[in-house]
Amino acid sequence: QVQLLESGGGSVQAGDSLRLSCVSSGRTFSTYPMAWFRQAPGKEREVVAAISMNGVETYYADSVKGRFTISRDNAKNTVYLQMNSLKPEDTYVYYCSARRSSRYGSSYYAYYRESDYDYWGQGTQVTVSS
């Protein structure tokens, strides 16, 4: 069982930056496509960004393109989400997710649907005030 632990959330002002981190307990982290999702109370979870297992392929939601950057350090079993120019509408709980490499489909792909992922962290709150 893979465990994911997010950190780096907090309360900031509009225009500020935050970097979220997600550490995986899996011994084969480097084989997992990874993603960040976010969710507000009473709403569906939505993808923010995704990254392939080798970091070459990435995907971003239109709402964060040009402001957020997803990256990974396989030596540290960690995926990051750098969030710049934060807006109040970025206020959500952010979740890290991992996809098993044993699933059908290439791991050299940045999957962006919630159903594509198998493991989830507990979430970290990001609050942006105007």
Protein backbone atom coordinates (compact mmCIF):
# COMPACT_ATOMS: atom_id res chain seq x y z
CA GLN A 1 0.00 0.00 0.00
CA VAL A 2 1.34 3.38 -1.02
CA GLN A 3 0.99 6.25 1.42
CA LEU A 4 1.11 9.85 0.28
CA LEU A 5 1.73 12.77 2.60
CA GLU A 6 1.16 16.33 1.45
CA SER A 7 2.60 19.45 3.02
CA GLY A 8 3.07 23.11 2.23
CA GLY A 9 -0.48 24.39 2.35
CA GLY A 10 -1.46 27.51 4.22
CA SER A 11 -3.14 30.90 4.16
CA VAL A 12 -1.70 33.53 1.84
CA GLN A 13 -2.64 36.76 0.11
CA ALA A 14 -3.62 37.04 -3.53
CA GLY A 15 -0.50 37.21 -5.67
CA ASP A 16 1.60 35.18 -3.27
CA SER A 17 3.23 31.82 -3.95
CA LEU A 18 3.18 28.43 -2.27
CA ARG A 19 4.90 25.16 -2.98
CA LEU A 20 3.12 21.96 -2.11
CA SER A 21 5.09 18.76 -1.58
CA CYS A 22 3.93 15.16 -1.57
CA VAL A 23 6.16 12.39 -0.29
CA SER A 24 5.40 8.78 -1.20
CA SER A 25 6.17 5.73 0.87
CA GLY A 26 6.19 3.51 -2.21
CA ARG A 27 9.43 1.80 -3.11
CA THR A 28 8.63 2.19 -6.80
CA PHE A 29 7.68 5.84 -6.81
CA SER A 30 9.60 6.41 -10.03
CA THR A 31 7.13 4.16 -11.89
CA TYR A 32 3.99 6.06 -10.83
CA PRO A 33 2.34 8.79 -12.82
CA MET A 34 1.36 11.43 -10.27
CA ALA A 35 -1.13 14.26 -10.09
CA TRP A 36 -2.51 17.04 -7.94
CA PHE A 37 -6.25 17.47 -7.58
CA ARG A 38 -8.27 19.96 -5.58
CA GLN A 39 -11.71 20.00 -4.04
CA ALA A 40 -13.99 22.51 -2.39
CA PRO A 41 -16.74 21.50 0.09
CA GLY A 42 -19.76 20.10 -1.74
CA LYS A 43 -18.00 20.10 -5.09
CA GLU A 44 -16.35 17.45 -7.21
CA ARG A 45 -12.64 16.95 -7.14
CA GLU A 46 -10.88 18.46 -10.13
CA VAL A 47 -7.48 17.93 -11.63
CA VAL A 48 -4.89 20.68 -11.22
CA ALA A 49 -1.81 19.15 -12.81
CA ALA A 50 -0.39 15.75 -13.69
CA ILE A 51 3.03 14.37 -14.51
CA SER A 52 4.32 11.18 -16.11
CA MET A 53 6.58 8.81 -14.24
CA ASN A 54 9.75 10.28 -15.76
CA GLY A 55 8.57 13.89 -15.54
CA VAL A 56 8.64 14.48 -19.29
CA GLU A 57 4.90 14.70 -19.89
CA THR A 58 2.78 17.15 -17.93
CA TYR A 59 -0.83 18.27 -17.97
CA TYR A 60 -2.40 21.41 -16.52
CA ALA A 61 -5.94 22.54 -16.03
CA ASP A 62 -6.68 25.67 -18.04
CA SER A 63 -7.33 27.61 -14.85
CA VAL A 64 -3.75 27.19 -13.64
CA LYS A 65 -1.72 27.19 -16.85
CA GLY A 66 1.13 29.67 -16.68
CA ARG A 67 0.83 30.00 -12.88
CA PHE A 68 1.37 26.48 -11.50
CA THR A 69 4.19 24.04 -12.20
CA ILE A 70 4.25 20.36 -11.36
CA SER A 71 7.58 18.59 -10.97
CA ARG A 72 9.01 15.51 -9.34
CA ASP A 73 12.21 14.27 -7.78
CA ASN A 74 12.24 10.49 -8.05
CA ALA A 75 15.34 10.25 -5.89
CA LYS A 76 13.35 11.83 -3.06
CA ASN A 77 10.03 10.09 -3.78
CA THR A 78 8.48 13.53 -3.97
CA VAL A 79 6.19 15.43 -6.30
CA TYR A 80 5.81 19.20 -6.08
CA LEU A 81 3.28 21.80 -7.08
CA GLN A 82 4.69 25.30 -7.36
CA MET A 83 1.80 27.76 -7.24
CA ASN A 84 2.48 31.36 -8.24
CA SER A 85 0.19 34.37 -8.60
CA LEU A 86 -2.38 32.75 -6.37
CA LYS A 87 -5.96 33.92 -6.58
CA PRO A 88 -8.86 33.64 -4.12
CA GLU A 89 -10.46 31.13 -6.50
CA ASP A 90 -7.50 28.81 -5.86
CA THR A 91 -8.82 28.24 -2.35
CA TYR A 92 -9.31 24.48 -2.06
CA VAL A 93 -8.06 21.37 -0.33
CA TYR A 94 -5.28 20.02 -2.53
CA TYR A 95 -4.72 16.28 -2.88
CA CYS A 96 -1.76 14.33 -4.17
CA SER A 97 -2.47 11.13 -6.09
CA ALA A 98 -0.54 8.23 -7.57
CA ARG A 99 -1.39 5.70 -10.26
CA ARG A 100 -0.25 2.09 -10.01
CA SER A 101 2.21 1.21 -12.74
CA SER A 102 0.54 -2.21 -13.03
CA ARG A 103 -2.59 -0.68 -14.53
CA TYR A 104 -3.17 -0.99 -18.24
CA GLY A 105 -1.69 1.95 -20.10
CA SER A 106 1.64 3.68 -20.35
CA SER A 107 3.24 5.28 -17.33
CA TYR A 108 4.92 7.74 -19.71
CA TYR A 109 1.70 9.70 -19.75
CA ALA A 110 0.23 12.46 -17.61
CA TYR A 111 -3.21 11.12 -16.71
CA TYR A 112 -5.77 13.76 -15.74
CA ARG A 113 -8.94 11.95 -14.66
CA GLU A 114 -9.71 11.12 -11.06
CA SER A 115 -10.48 7.52 -12.03
CA ASP A 116 -6.95 7.16 -13.40
CA TYR A 117 -5.50 7.25 -9.89
CA ASP A 118 -5.37 4.67 -7.13
CA TYR A 119 -3.75 6.26 -4.11
CA TRP A 120 -4.59 9.54 -2.42
CA GLY A 121 -3.12 11.70 0.28
CA GLN A 122 -5.11 13.24 3.11
CA GLY A 123 -5.10 16.70 1.55
CA THR A 124 -3.67 20.08 2.47
CA GLN A 125 -5.68 23.29 2.71
CA VAL A 126 -4.76 26.30 0.62
CA THR A 127 -6.57 29.53 1.40
CA VAL A 128 -6.01 32.67 -0.64
CA SER A 129 -7.48 35.93 0.56
CA SER A 130 -7.95 39.06 -1.49
